[in-house]
PDB file of N, CA and C in Angstrom:
ATOM      1  N   UNK A   1       0.683  -1.501   0.132  1.00  0.00           N
ATOM      2  CA  UNK A   1      -0.032   0.006  -0.318  1.00  0.00           C
ATOM      3  C   UNK A   1       0.964   1.293  -0.073  1.00  0.00           C
ATOM      4  N   UNK A   2       0.154   1.686  -0.809  1.00  0.00           N
ATOM      5  CA  UNK A   2       1.303   3.510  -0.680  1.00  0.00           C
ATOM      6  C   UNK A   2       0.530   4.368  -0.049  1.00  0.00           C
ATOM      7  N   UNK A   3       0.894   5.831  -0.143  1.00  0.00           N
ATOM      8  CA  UNK A   3       0.586   6.601   0.897  1.00  0.00           C
ATOM      9  C   UNK A   3      -0.675   7.220   0.220  1.00  0.00           C
ATOM     10  N   UNK A   4      -0.352   7.126  -1.323  1.00  0.00           N
ATOM     11  CA  UNK A   4      -1.653   7.714  -2.464  1.00  0.00           C
ATOM     12  C   UNK A   4      -2.980   6.592  -2.204  1.00  0.00           C
ATOM     13  N   UNK A   5      -3.024   5.594  -1.654  1.00  0.00           N
ATOM     14  CA  UNK A   5      -3.934   5.001  -1.751  1.00  0.00           C
ATOM     15  C   UNK A   5      -5.229   5.238  -0.452  1.00  0.00           C
ATOM     16  N   UNK A   6      -4.393   6.186   0.888  1.00  0.00           N
ATOM     17  CA  UNK A   6      -5.228   6.587   1.753  1.00  0.00           C
ATOM     18  C   UNK A   6      -5.759   7.827   1.454  1.00  0.00           C
ATOM     19  N   UNK A   7      -6.920   8.504   1.022  1.00  0.00           N
ATOM     20  CA  UNK A   7      -6.968   9.673   0.019  1.00  0.00           C
ATOM     21  C   UNK A   7      -7.702  10.026   1.666  1.00  0.00           C
ATOM     22  N   UNK A   8      -8.296   9.367   2.410  1.00  0.00           N
ATOM     23  CA  UNK A   8      -9.481  10.190   3.380  1.00  0.00           C
ATOM     24  C   UNK A   8      -9.069   9.933   4.936  1.00  0.00           C
ATOM     25  N   UNK A   9      -8.066   9.220   4.929  1.00  0.00           N
ATOM     26  CA  UNK A   9      -6.978   8.854   6.117  1.00  0.00           C
ATOM     27  C   UNK A   9      -5.753   8.533   5.869  1.00  0.00           C
ATOM     28  N   UNK A  10      -4.748   9.247   6.395  1.00  0.00           N
ATOM     29  CA  UNK A  10      -3.661   8.242   6.114  1.00  0.00           C
ATOM     30  C   UNK A  10      -2.762   8.053   7.537  1.00  0.00           C
ATOM     31  N   UNK A  11      -2.404   6.468   6.883  1.00  0.00           N
ATOM     32  CA  UNK A  11      -1.893   6.123   8.610  1.00  0.00           C
ATOM     33  C   UNK A  11      -0.145   6.554   8.531  1.00  0.00           C
ATOM     34  N   UNK A  12      -0.095   6.993   9.921  1.00  0.00           N
ATOM     35  CA  UNK A  12       1.124   6.584  10.507  1.00  0.00           C
ATOM     36  C   UNK A  12       2.352   6.070   9.319  1.00  0.00           C
ATOM     37  N   UNK A  13       3.568   6.960   9.028  1.00  0.00           N
ATOM     38  CA  UNK A  13       4.283   7.011   7.867  1.00  0.00           C
ATOM     39  C   UNK A  13       4.985   4.543   9.142  1.00  0.00           C
ATOM     40  N   UNK A  14       5.227   3.857   8.367  1.00  0.00           N
ATOM     41  CA  UNK A  14       5.426   3.113   8.333  1.00  0.00           C
ATOM     42  C   UNK A  14       4.567   1.922   9.128  1.00  0.00           C
ATOM     43  N   UNK A  15       3.961   2.619   9.584  1.00  0.00           N
ATOM     44  CA  UNK A  15       2.826   1.626  10.057  1.00  0.00           C
ATOM     45  C   UNK A  15       2.457   0.381   9.671  1.00  0.00           C
ATOM     46  N   UNK A  16       2.246  -0.709  10.347  1.00  0.00           N
ATOM     47  CA  UNK A  16       1.984  -1.720   9.855  1.00  0.00           C
ATOM     48  C   UNK A  16       0.130  -2.031   9.717  1.00  0.00           C
ATOM     49  N   UNK A  17      -0.410  -2.576   8.034  1.00  0.00           N
ATOM     50  CA  UNK A  17      -1.575  -2.471   8.108  1.00  0.00           C
ATOM     51  C   UNK A  17      -2.201  -3.399   7.881  1.00  0.00           C
ATOM     52  N   UNK A  18      -2.946  -4.207   8.352  1.00  0.00           N
ATOM     53  CA  UNK A  18      -4.033  -5.328   8.309  1.00  0.00           C
ATOM     54  C   UNK A  18      -4.735  -5.274   7.342  1.00  0.00           C
ATOM     55  N   UNK A  19      -5.294  -6.286   6.243  1.00  0.00           N
ATOM     56  CA  UNK A  19      -6.672  -5.927   5.887  1.00  0.00           C
ATOM     57  C   UNK A  19      -7.795  -6.516   6.560  1.00  0.00           C
ATOM     58  N   UNK A  20      -8.564  -6.670   6.528  1.00  0.00           N
ATOM     59  CA  UNK A  20      -9.708  -6.886   7.203  1.00  0.00           C
ATOM     60  C   UNK A  20      -9.977  -8.392   8.198  1.00  0.00           C
ATOM     61  N   UNK A  21      -9.240  -8.927   6.974  1.00  0.00           N
ATOM     62  CA  UNK A  21      -9.523 -10.614   7.152  1.00  0.00           C
ATOM     63  C   UNK A  21      -7.939 -11.406   8.011  1.00  0.00           C
ATOM     64  N   UNK A  22      -6.987 -10.071   7.896  1.00  0.00           N
ATOM     65  CA  UNK A  22      -5.931 -10.442   8.789  1.00  0.00           C
ATOM     66  C   UNK A  22      -6.007  -9.950   9.653  1.00  0.00           C
ATOM     67  N   UNK A  23      -6.950  -8.582  10.252  1.00  0.00           N
ATOM     68  CA  UNK A  23      -7.171  -8.221  11.709  1.00  0.00           C
ATOM     69  C   UNK A  23      -8.281  -9.462  11.937  1.00  0.00           C
ATOM     70  N   UNK A  24      -8.984 -10.143  11.698  1.00  0.00           N
ATOM     71  CA  UNK A  24      -9.876 -10.549  12.030  1.00  0.00           C
ATOM     72  C   UNK A  24      -9.127 -12.136  12.901  1.00  0.00           C
ATOM     73  N   UNK A  25      -8.002 -12.637  12.052  1.00  0.00           N
ATOM     74  CA  UNK A  25      -7.472 -13.499  12.088  1.00  0.00           C
ATOM     75  C   UNK A  25      -6.608 -13.526  13.588  1.00  0.00           C
ATOM     76  N   UNK A  26      -6.269 -12.375  13.823  1.00  0.00           N
ATOM     77  CA  UNK A  26      -4.976 -12.081  14.865  1.00  0.00           C
ATOM     78  C   UNK A  26      -6.066 -11.964  16.050  1.00  0.00           C
ATOM     79  N   UNK A  27      -6.721 -11.236  15.907  1.00  0.00           N
ATOM     80  CA  UNK A  27      -8.128 -11.187  16.961  1.00  0.00           C
ATOM     81  C   UNK A  27      -9.003 -12.358  17.240  1.00  0.00           C
ATOM     82  N   UNK A  28      -8.922 -13.402  16.693  1.00  0.00           N
ATOM     83  CA  UNK A  28      -9.349 -14.371  16.496  1.00  0.00           C
ATOM     84  C   UNK A  28     -11.024 -14.495  16.419  1.00  0.00           C
ATOM     85  N   UNK A  29     -11.621 -13.681  15.497  1.00  0.00           N
ATOM     86  CA  UNK A  29     -13.061 -12.839  15.486  1.00  0.00           C
ATOM     87  C   UNK A  29     -12.981 -13.181  13.938  1.00  0.00           C
ATOM     88  N   UNK A  30     -15.076 -13.426  13.227  1.00  0.00           N
ATOM     89  CA  UNK A  30     -14.716 -12.999  12.102  1.00  0.00           C
ATOM     90  C   UNK A  30     -14.786 -11.902  11.523  1.00  0.00           C
ATOM     91  N   UNK A  31     -14.442 -11.102  10.090  1.00  0.00           N
ATOM     92  CA  UNK A  31     -14.819 -10.331   9.965  1.00  0.00           C
ATOM     93  C   UNK A  31     -15.870  -9.483   9.562  1.00  0.00           C
ATOM     94  N   UNK A  32     -16.962 -10.479   9.500  1.00  0.00           N
ATOM     95  CA  UNK A  32     -18.663  -9.714   9.926  1.00  0.00           C
ATOM     96  C   UNK A  32     -18.570  -8.915  11.417  1.00  0.00           C
ATOM     97  N   UNK A  33     -18.138  -9.411  12.524  1.00  0.00           N
ATOM     98  CA  UNK A  33     -17.886  -8.951  13.622  1.00  0.00           C
ATOM     99  C   UNK A  33     -17.221  -7.577  13.426  1.00  0.00           C
ATOM    100  N   UNK A  34     -16.007  -7.503  13.441  1.00  0.00           N
ATOM    101  CA  UNK A  34     -15.468  -5.834  13.087  1.00  0.00           C
ATOM    102  C   UNK A  34     -16.303  -5.641  12.481  1.00  0.00           C
ATOM    103  N   UNK A  35     -16.873  -5.417  11.003  1.00  0.00           N
ATOM    104  CA  UNK A  35     -17.689  -4.446  10.642  1.00  0.00           C
ATOM    105  C   UNK A  35     -18.459  -4.171  11.032  1.00  0.00           C
ATOM    106  N   UNK A  36     -19.952  -4.961  12.253  1.00  0.00           N
ATOM    107  CA  UNK A  36     -20.552  -4.948  13.105  1.00  0.00           C
ATOM    108  C   UNK A  36     -20.337  -4.030  14.191  1.00  0.00           C
ATOM    109  N   UNK A  37     -18.842  -4.123  14.687  1.00  0.00           N
ATOM    110  CA  UNK A  37     -18.155  -3.739  16.121  1.00  0.00           C
ATOM    111  C   UNK A  37     -18.062  -1.971  15.773  1.00  0.00           C
ATOM    112  N   UNK A  38     -17.457  -1.800  14.008  1.00  0.00           N
ATOM    113  CA  UNK A  38     -17.415  -0.785  13.570  1.00  0.00           C
ATOM    114  C   UNK A  38     -18.456   0.241  13.699  1.00  0.00           C
ATOM    115  N   UNK A  39     -19.647  -0.315  13.637  1.00  0.00           N
ATOM    116  CA  UNK A  39     -21.200   0.563  13.559  1.00  0.00           C
ATOM    117  C   UNK A  39     -21.306   0.619  14.929  1.00  0.00           C
ATOM    118  N   UNK A  40     -21.175   0.238  15.608  1.00  0.00           N
ATOM    119  CA  UNK A  40     -21.414   0.181  17.343  1.00  0.00           C
ATOM    120  C   UNK A  40     -20.610   1.325  18.042  1.00  0.00           C
ATOM    121  N   UNK A  41     -18.963   1.330  17.411  1.00  0.00           N
ATOM    122  CA  UNK A  41     -18.036   1.759  18.935  1.00  0.00           C
ATOM    123  C   UNK A  41     -17.630   2.783  17.695  1.00  0.00           C
ATOM    124  N   UNK A  42     -18.022   4.256  17.640  1.00  0.00           N
ATOM    125  CA  UNK A  42     -17.274   5.414  16.679  1.00  0.00           C
ATOM    126  C   UNK A  42     -15.710   5.514  17.150  1.00  0.00           C
ATOM    127  N   UNK A  43     -15.361   4.851  17.945  1.00  0.00           N
ATOM    128  CA  UNK A  43     -13.953   5.071  18.249  1.00  0.00           C
ATOM    129  C   UNK A  43     -13.313   3.981  17.287  1.00  0.00           C
ATOM    130  N   UNK A  44     -13.718   3.166  16.551  1.00  0.00           N
ATOM    131  CA  UNK A  44     -13.453   2.199  15.733  1.00  0.00           C
ATOM    132  C   UNK A  44     -13.369   2.620  14.209  1.00  0.00           C
ATOM    133  N   UNK A  45     -12.617   3.699  13.474  1.00  0.00           N
ATOM    134  CA  UNK A  45     -12.920   3.767  12.386  1.00  0.00           C
ATOM    135  C   UNK A  45     -11.676   3.319  11.900  1.00  0.00           C
ATOM    136  N   UNK A  46     -11.426   2.230  11.089  1.00  0.00           N
ATOM    137  CA  UNK A  46     -10.118   2.067  10.393  1.00  0.00           C
ATOM    138  C   UNK A  46     -10.073   2.737   9.220  1.00  0.00           C
ATOM    139  N   UNK A  47      -8.710   2.802   8.801  1.00  0.00           N
ATOM    140  CA  UNK A  47      -8.554   3.537   7.531  1.00  0.00           C
ATOM    141  C   UNK A  47      -8.912   3.065   6.101  1.00  0.00           C
ATOM    142  N   UNK A  48      -9.339   3.749   5.291  1.00  0.00           N
ATOM    143  CA  UNK A  48     -10.148   3.389   4.258  1.00  0.00           C
ATOM    144  C   UNK A  48      -8.640   3.480   2.978  1.00  0.00           C
ATOM    145  N   UNK A  49      -9.065   2.252   2.220  1.00  0.00           N
ATOM    146  CA  UNK A  49      -8.131   2.990   0.738  1.00  0.00           C
ATOM    147  C   UNK A  49      -8.948   3.493  -0.306  1.00  0.00           C
ATOM    148  N   UNK A  50      -8.219   3.979  -1.230  1.00  0.00           N
ATOM    149  CA  UNK A  50      -9.106   4.702  -2.329  1.00  0.00           C
ATOM    150  C   UNK A  50     -10.477   3.738  -2.802  1.00  0.00           C
ATOM    151  N   UNK A  51      -9.703   2.472  -3.099  1.00  0.00           N
ATOM    152  CA  UNK A  51     -11.086   1.981  -3.715  1.00  0.00           C
ATOM    153  C   UNK A  51     -12.141   1.106  -2.100  1.00  0.00           C
ATOM    154  N   UNK A  52     -11.985   1.156  -1.002  1.00  0.00           N
ATOM    155  CA  UNK A  52     -12.954   1.234   0.168  1.00  0.00           C
ATOM    156  C   UNK A  52     -12.373   0.355   1.165  1.00  0.00           C
ATOM    157  N   UNK A  53     -10.860  -0.123   0.795  1.00  0.00           N
ATOM    158  CA  UNK A  53     -11.049  -1.660   1.414  1.00  0.00           C
ATOM    159  C   UNK A  53     -10.607  -1.009   2.901  1.00  0.00           C
ATOM    160  N   UNK A  54     -11.363  -1.768   3.860  1.00  0.00           N
ATOM    161  CA  UNK A  54     -11.083  -1.246   5.360  1.00  0.00           C
ATOM    162  C   UNK A  54      -9.212  -1.905   5.578  1.00  0.00           C
ATOM    163  N   UNK A  55      -8.233  -0.851   6.587  1.00  0.00           N
ATOM    164  CA  UNK A  55      -7.060  -1.635   6.902  1.00  0.00           C
ATOM    165  C   UNK A  55      -7.026  -1.040   7.989  1.00  0.00           C
ATOM    166  N   UNK A  56      -6.915  -1.980   8.874  1.00  0.00           N
ATOM    167  CA  UNK A  56      -6.628  -1.555  10.603  1.00  0.00           C
ATOM    168  C   UNK A  56      -4.930  -1.686  10.999  1.00  0.00           C
ATOM    169  N   UNK A  57      -4.576  -0.432  11.766  1.00  0.00           N
ATOM    170  CA  UNK A  57      -3.525  -0.372  12.865  1.00  0.00           C
ATOM    171  C   UNK A  57      -3.319  -1.367  13.411  1.00  0.00           C
ATOM    172  N   UNK A  58      -2.215  -1.356  14.363  1.00  0.00           N
ATOM    173  CA  UNK A  58      -2.271  -1.480  15.757  1.00  0.00           C
ATOM    174  C   UNK A  58      -3.230  -0.583  16.476  1.00  0.00           C
ATOM    175  N   UNK A  59      -2.761   0.406  16.353  1.00  0.00           N
ATOM    176  CA  UNK A  59      -3.949   0.966  17.363  1.00  0.00           C
ATOM    177  C   UNK A  59      -5.547   0.511  17.393  1.00  0.00           C
ATOM    178  N   UNK A  60      -5.672  -0.227  16.077  1.00  0.00           N
ATOM    179  CA  UNK A  60      -7.020  -0.179  16.214  1.00  0.00           C
ATOM    180  C   UNK A  60      -7.165  -1.988  16.466  1.00  0.00           C
ATOM    181  N   UNK A  61      -6.060  -2.386  16.278  1.00  0.00           N
ATOM    182  CA  UNK A  61      -6.055  -3.879  17.293  1.00  0.00           C
ATOM    183  C   UNK A  61      -6.723  -3.925  18.078  1.00  0.00           C
ATOM    184  N   UNK A  62      -5.468  -2.909  19.419  1.00  0.00           N
ATOM    185  CA  UNK A  62      -5.723  -2.788  20.638  1.00  0.00           C
ATOM    186  C   UNK A  62      -7.260  -2.193  21.076  1.00  0.00           C
ATOM    187  N   UNK A  63      -7.720  -1.337  20.417  1.00  0.00           N
ATOM    188  CA  UNK A  63      -8.996  -0.908  20.564  1.00  0.00           C
ATOM    189  C   UNK A  63      -9.953  -2.113  20.360  1.00  0.00           C
ATOM    190  N   UNK A  64      -9.427  -2.760  19.376  1.00  0.00           N
ATOM    191  CA  UNK A  64     -10.747  -4.269  19.399  1.00  0.00           C
ATOM    192  C   UNK A  64     -10.456  -4.899  20.607  1.00  0.00           C
ATOM    193  N   UNK A  65      -9.070  -5.328  20.619  1.00  0.00           N
ATOM    194  CA  UNK A  65      -9.308  -6.053  21.852  1.00  0.00           C
ATOM    195  C   UNK A  65      -9.444  -5.615  23.315  1.00  0.00           C
ATOM    196  N   UNK A  66      -9.332  -4.350  23.327  1.00  0.00           N
ATOM    197  CA  UNK A  66     -10.228  -3.908  24.583  1.00  0.00           C
ATOM    198  C   UNK A  66     -11.967  -4.141  24.124  1.00  0.00           C
ATOM    199  N   UNK A  67     -12.227  -4.106  23.119  1.00  0.00           N
ATOM    200  CA  UNK A  67     -13.567  -4.492  23.283  1.00  0.00           C
ATOM    201  C   UNK A  67     -13.915  -5.876  23.822  1.00  0.00           C
ATOM    202  N   UNK A  68     -13.356  -6.572  22.701  1.00  0.00           N
ATOM    203  CA  UNK A  68     -13.439  -8.165  23.397  1.00  0.00           C
ATOM    204  C   UNK A  68     -13.011  -8.236  24.891  1.00  0.00           C
ATOM    205  N   UNK A  69     -12.096  -7.715  25.684  1.00  0.00           N
ATOM    206  CA  UNK A  69     -12.896  -7.636  27.089  1.00  0.00           C
ATOM    207  C   UNK A  69     -13.415  -7.338  27.625  1.00  0.00           C
ATOM    208  N   UNK A  70     -14.063  -6.136  27.485  1.00  0.00           N
ATOM    209  CA  UNK A  70     -15.240  -5.707  28.022  1.00  0.00           C
ATOM    210  C   UNK A  70     -16.404  -7.195  27.766  1.00  0.00           C
ATOM    211  N   UNK A  71     -16.487  -7.202  26.673  1.00  0.00           N
ATOM    212  CA  UNK A  71     -17.860  -8.051  25.816  1.00  0.00           C
ATOM    213  C   UNK A  71     -17.619  -9.525  26.078  1.00  0.00           C
ATOM    214  N   UNK A  72     -16.269 -10.094  26.040  1.00  0.00           N
ATOM    215  CA  UNK A  72     -16.250 -11.295  26.507  1.00  0.00           C
ATOM    216  C   UNK A  72     -16.149 -11.998  27.747  1.00  0.00           C
ATOM    217  N   UNK A  73     -15.419 -10.709  28.125  1.00  0.00           N
ATOM    218  CA  UNK A  73     -14.426 -11.703  29.740  1.00  0.00           C
ATOM    219  C   UNK A  73     -15.077 -10.760  30.876  1.00  0.00           C
ATOM    220  N   UNK A  74     -15.437  -9.838  30.489  1.00  0.00           N
ATOM    221  CA  UNK A  74     -16.432  -8.881  31.489  1.00  0.00           C
ATOM    222  C   UNK A  74     -17.816  -8.829  31.655  1.00  0.00           C
ATOM    223  N   UNK A  75     -18.268  -8.989  30.023  1.00  0.00           N
ATOM    224  CA  UNK A  75     -19.769  -9.185  30.172  1.00  0.00           C
ATOM    225  C   UNK A  75     -20.446  -8.393  30.085  1.00  0.00           C
ATOM    226  N   UNK A  76     -20.219  -7.344  29.526  1.00  0.00           N
ATOM    227  CA  UNK A  76     -21.131  -5.668  29.543  1.00  0.00           C
ATOM    228  C   UNK A  76     -21.645  -6.057  28.236  1.00  0.00           C
ATOM    229  N   UNK A  77     -22.617  -5.250  28.460  1.00  0.00           N
ATOM    230  CA  UNK A  77     -23.180  -4.915  26.531  1.00  0.00           C
ATOM    231  C   UNK A  77     -22.938  -4.101  25.836  1.00  0.00           C
ATOM    232  N   UNK A  78     -22.964  -4.382  24.747  1.00  0.00           N
ATOM    233  CA  UNK A  78     -22.824  -3.426  23.522  1.00  0.00           C
ATOM    234  C   UNK A  78     -22.856  -1.988  24.063  1.00  0.00           C
ATOM    235  N   UNK A  79     -23.555  -1.729  24.288  1.00  0.00           N
ATOM    236  CA  UNK A  79     -23.977  -0.038  25.155  1.00  0.00           C
ATOM    237  C   UNK A  79     -23.501   0.176  26.377  1.00  0.00           C
ATOM    238  N   UNK A  80     -22.854  -0.856  27.344  1.00  0.00           N
ATOM    239  CA  UNK A  80     -22.000  -1.178  28.584  1.00  0.00           C
ATOM    240  C   UNK A  80     -20.333  -0.858  28.034  1.00  0.00           C
ATOM    241  N   UNK A  81     -20.419  -1.220  27.023  1.00  0.00           N
ATOM    242  CA  UNK A  81     -18.632  -1.288  26.879  1.00  0.00           C
ATOM    243  C   UNK A  81     -18.580   0.287  26.154  1.00  0.00           C
ATOM    244  N   UNK A  82     -19.332   0.442  24.734  1.00  0.00           N
ATOM    245  CA  UNK A  82     -19.330   1.759  24.431  1.00  0.00           C
ATOM    246  C   UNK A  82     -18.915   2.655  25.648  1.00  0.00           C
ATOM    247  N   UNK A  83     -20.285   2.531  26.716  1.00  0.00           N
ATOM    248  CA  UNK A  83     -20.291   3.543  28.066  1.00  0.00           C
ATOM    249  C   UNK A  83     -18.503   3.424  28.336  1.00  0.00           C
ATOM    250  N   UNK A  84     -18.021   2.452  28.629  1.00  0.00           N
ATOM    251  CA  UNK A  84     -16.808   2.539  29.367  1.00  0.00           C
ATOM    252  C   UNK A  84     -15.796   2.405  28.582  1.00  0.00           C
ATOM    253  N   UNK A  85     -15.652   2.719  27.213  1.00  0.00           N
ATOM    254  CA  UNK A  85     -14.621   3.541  26.069  1.00  0.00           C
ATOM    255  C   UNK A  85     -14.774   4.277  26.460  1.00  0.00           C
ATOM    256  N   UNK A  86     -15.985   5.381  26.054  1.00  0.00           N
ATOM    257  CA  UNK A  86     -15.787   6.718  26.208  1.00  0.00           C
ATOM    258  C   UNK A  86     -15.401   6.872  27.565  1.00  0.00           C
ATOM    259  N   UNK A  87     -15.725   6.510  28.819  1.00  0.00           N
ATOM    260  CA  UNK A  87     -15.375   7.456  29.976  1.00  0.00           C
ATOM    261  C   UNK A  87     -13.451   7.343  30.686  1.00  0.00           C
ATOM    262  N   UNK A  88     -13.286   5.881  29.727  1.00  0.00           N
ATOM    263  CA  UNK A  88     -11.197   5.925  29.764  1.00  0.00           C
ATOM    264  C   UNK A  88     -10.830   6.736  28.759  1.00  0.00           C
ATOM    265  N   UNK A  89     -11.557   6.824  27.650  1.00  0.00           N
ATOM    266  CA  UNK A  89     -11.513   8.042  26.840  1.00  0.00           C
ATOM    267  C   UNK A  89     -11.225   9.288  27.615  1.00  0.00           C
ATOM    268  N   UNK A  90     -12.408   9.554  28.024  1.00  0.00           N
ATOM    269  CA  UNK A  90     -12.101  11.127  29.070  1.00  0.00           C
ATOM    270  C   UNK A  90     -11.459  11.204  30.070  1.00  0.00           C
ATOM    271  N   UNK A  91     -11.280   9.883  30.862  1.00  0.00           N
ATOM    272  CA  UNK A  91     -10.451  10.225  31.630  1.00  0.00           C
ATOM    273  C   UNK A  91      -8.678  10.141  31.131  1.00  0.00           C
ATOM    274  N   UNK A  92      -8.526   9.782  30.025  1.00  0.00           N
ATOM    275  CA  UNK A  92      -7.303  10.338  29.477  1.00  0.00           C
ATOM    276  C   UNK A  92      -7.092  11.362  28.431  1.00  0.00           C
ATOM    277  N   UNK A  93      -8.650  11.922  28.427  1.00  0.00           N
ATOM    278  CA  UNK A  93      -7.996  13.420  28.071  1.00  0.00           C
ATOM    279  C   UNK A  93      -8.118  14.243  29.162  1.00  0.00           C
ATOM    280  N   UNK A  94      -8.709  13.962  30.296  1.00  0.00           N
ATOM    281  CA  UNK A  94      -8.385  14.614  31.304  1.00  0.00           C
ATOM    282  C   UNK A  94      -6.595  14.769  32.012  1.00  0.00           C
ATOM    283  N   UNK A  95      -6.270  13.431  31.604  1.00  0.00           N
ATOM    284  CA  UNK A  95      -4.512  13.414  32.567  1.00  0.00           C
ATOM    285  C   UNK A  95      -3.622  14.465  31.667  1.00  0.00           C
ATOM    286  N   UNK A  96      -4.428  14.363  30.063  1.00  0.00           N
ATOM    287  CA  UNK A  96      -3.624  15.267  29.217  1.00  0.00           C
ATOM    288  C   UNK A  96      -3.407  16.306  29.516  1.00  0.00           C
ATOM    289  N   UNK A  97      -5.041  16.456  29.717  1.00  0.00           N
ATOM    290  CA  UNK A  97      -4.918  18.206  29.842  1.00  0.00           C
ATOM    291  C   UNK A  97      -4.555  18.505  31.311  1.00  0.00           C
ATOM    292  N   UNK A  98      -4.006  17.374  32.766  1.00  0.00           N
ATOM    293  CA  UNK A  98      -3.488  17.914  33.573  1.00  0.00           C
ATOM    294  C   UNK A  98      -2.406  18.413  33.154  1.00  0.00           C
ATOM    295  N   UNK A  99      -1.623  17.291  32.399  1.00  0.00           N
ATOM    296  CA  UNK A  99      -0.203  16.956  31.882  1.00  0.00           C
ATOM    297  C   UNK A  99       0.152  18.623  31.599  1.00  0.00           C
ATOM    298  N   UNK A 100      -0.851  19.253  30.365  1.00  0.00           N
ATOM    299  CA  UNK A 100      -0.032  20.272  30.087  1.00  0.00           C
ATOM    300  C   UNK A 100      -0.667  21.366  30.741  1.00  0.00           C
ATOM    301  N   UNK A 101      -1.176  21.406  32.053  1.00  0.00           N
ATOM    302  CA  UNK A 101      -1.632  22.855  32.864  1.00  0.00           C
ATOM    303  C   UNK A 101      -0.499  22.804  33.534  1.00  0.00           C
ATOM    304  N   UNK A 102       0.058  21.235  33.828  1.00  0.00           N
ATOM    305  CA  UNK A 102       1.175  21.469  35.204  1.00  0.00           C
ATOM    306  C   UNK A 102       2.848  22.135  34.393  1.00  0.00           C
ATOM    307  N   UNK A 103       2.566  21.656  33.200  1.00  0.00           N
ATOM    308  CA  UNK A 103       3.972  22.179  32.301  1.00  0.00           C
ATOM    309  C   UNK A 103       3.824  23.444  32.309  1.00  0.00           C
ATOM    310  N   UNK A 104       2.321  23.864  31.764  1.00  0.00           N
ATOM    311  CA  UNK A 104       2.182  25.450  31.706  1.00  0.00           C
ATOM    312  C   UNK A 104       2.441  26.070  32.903  1.00  0.00           C
ATOM    313  N   UNK A 105       2.369  25.520  34.445  1.00  0.00           N
ATOM    314  CA  UNK A 105       2.261  26.144  35.436  1.00  0.00           C
ATOM    315  C   UNK A 105       4.162  25.632  35.915  1.00  0.00           C
ATOM    316  N   UNK A 106       4.798  24.992  35.510  1.00  0.00           N
ATOM    317  CA  UNK A 106       5.989  24.963  36.244  1.00  0.00           C
ATOM    318  C   UNK A 106       7.041  26.000  34.733  1.00  0.00           C
ATOM    319  N   UNK A 107       6.495  26.518  34.010  1.00  0.00           N
ATOM    320  CA  UNK A 107       6.984  27.527  33.007  1.00  0.00           C
ATOM    321  C   UNK A 107       6.628  29.103  33.275  1.00  0.00           C
ATOM    322  N   UNK A 108       5.791  29.552  34.190  1.00  0.00           N
ATOM    323  CA  UNK A 108       5.152  30.323  34.608  1.00  0.00           C
ATOM    324  C   UNK A 108       6.152  30.365  35.930  1.00  0.00           C
ATOM    325  N   UNK A 109       6.294  29.663  36.335  1.00  0.00           N
ATOM    326  CA  UNK A 109       6.903  29.768  37.769  1.00  0.00           C
ATOM    327  C   UNK A 109       8.001  30.359  38.116  1.00  0.00           C
ATOM    328  N   UNK A 110       8.915  30.411  36.471  1.00  0.00           N
ATOM    329  CA  UNK A 110      10.496  30.179  36.165  1.00  0.00           C
ATOM    330  C   UNK A 110      10.765  32.014  36.140  1.00  0.00           C
TER     331      UNK A 110
END
């Protein structure tokens, strides 16, 4: 795959990309499960080639592993897993904001 194959969203330079079948095999699920989860979890948006083929990055694979854990191991519903991922995302954003504010505070104290 070349960069020009990804007009809608470029993958990171040097990122390993997996076709949907490869990602499904790696994760132990069927491709239709990944397509369904894409419709249920807004965070899961694989890169599309110019021809519309789904390509998953390492970050997508890790997200699907988290989804699997929430659904299969913790027994959450789709809605419960969606809320858990959203809450986790909010906490991560708050931690990033806190780190930036601490950095600004240190700069101002100089």
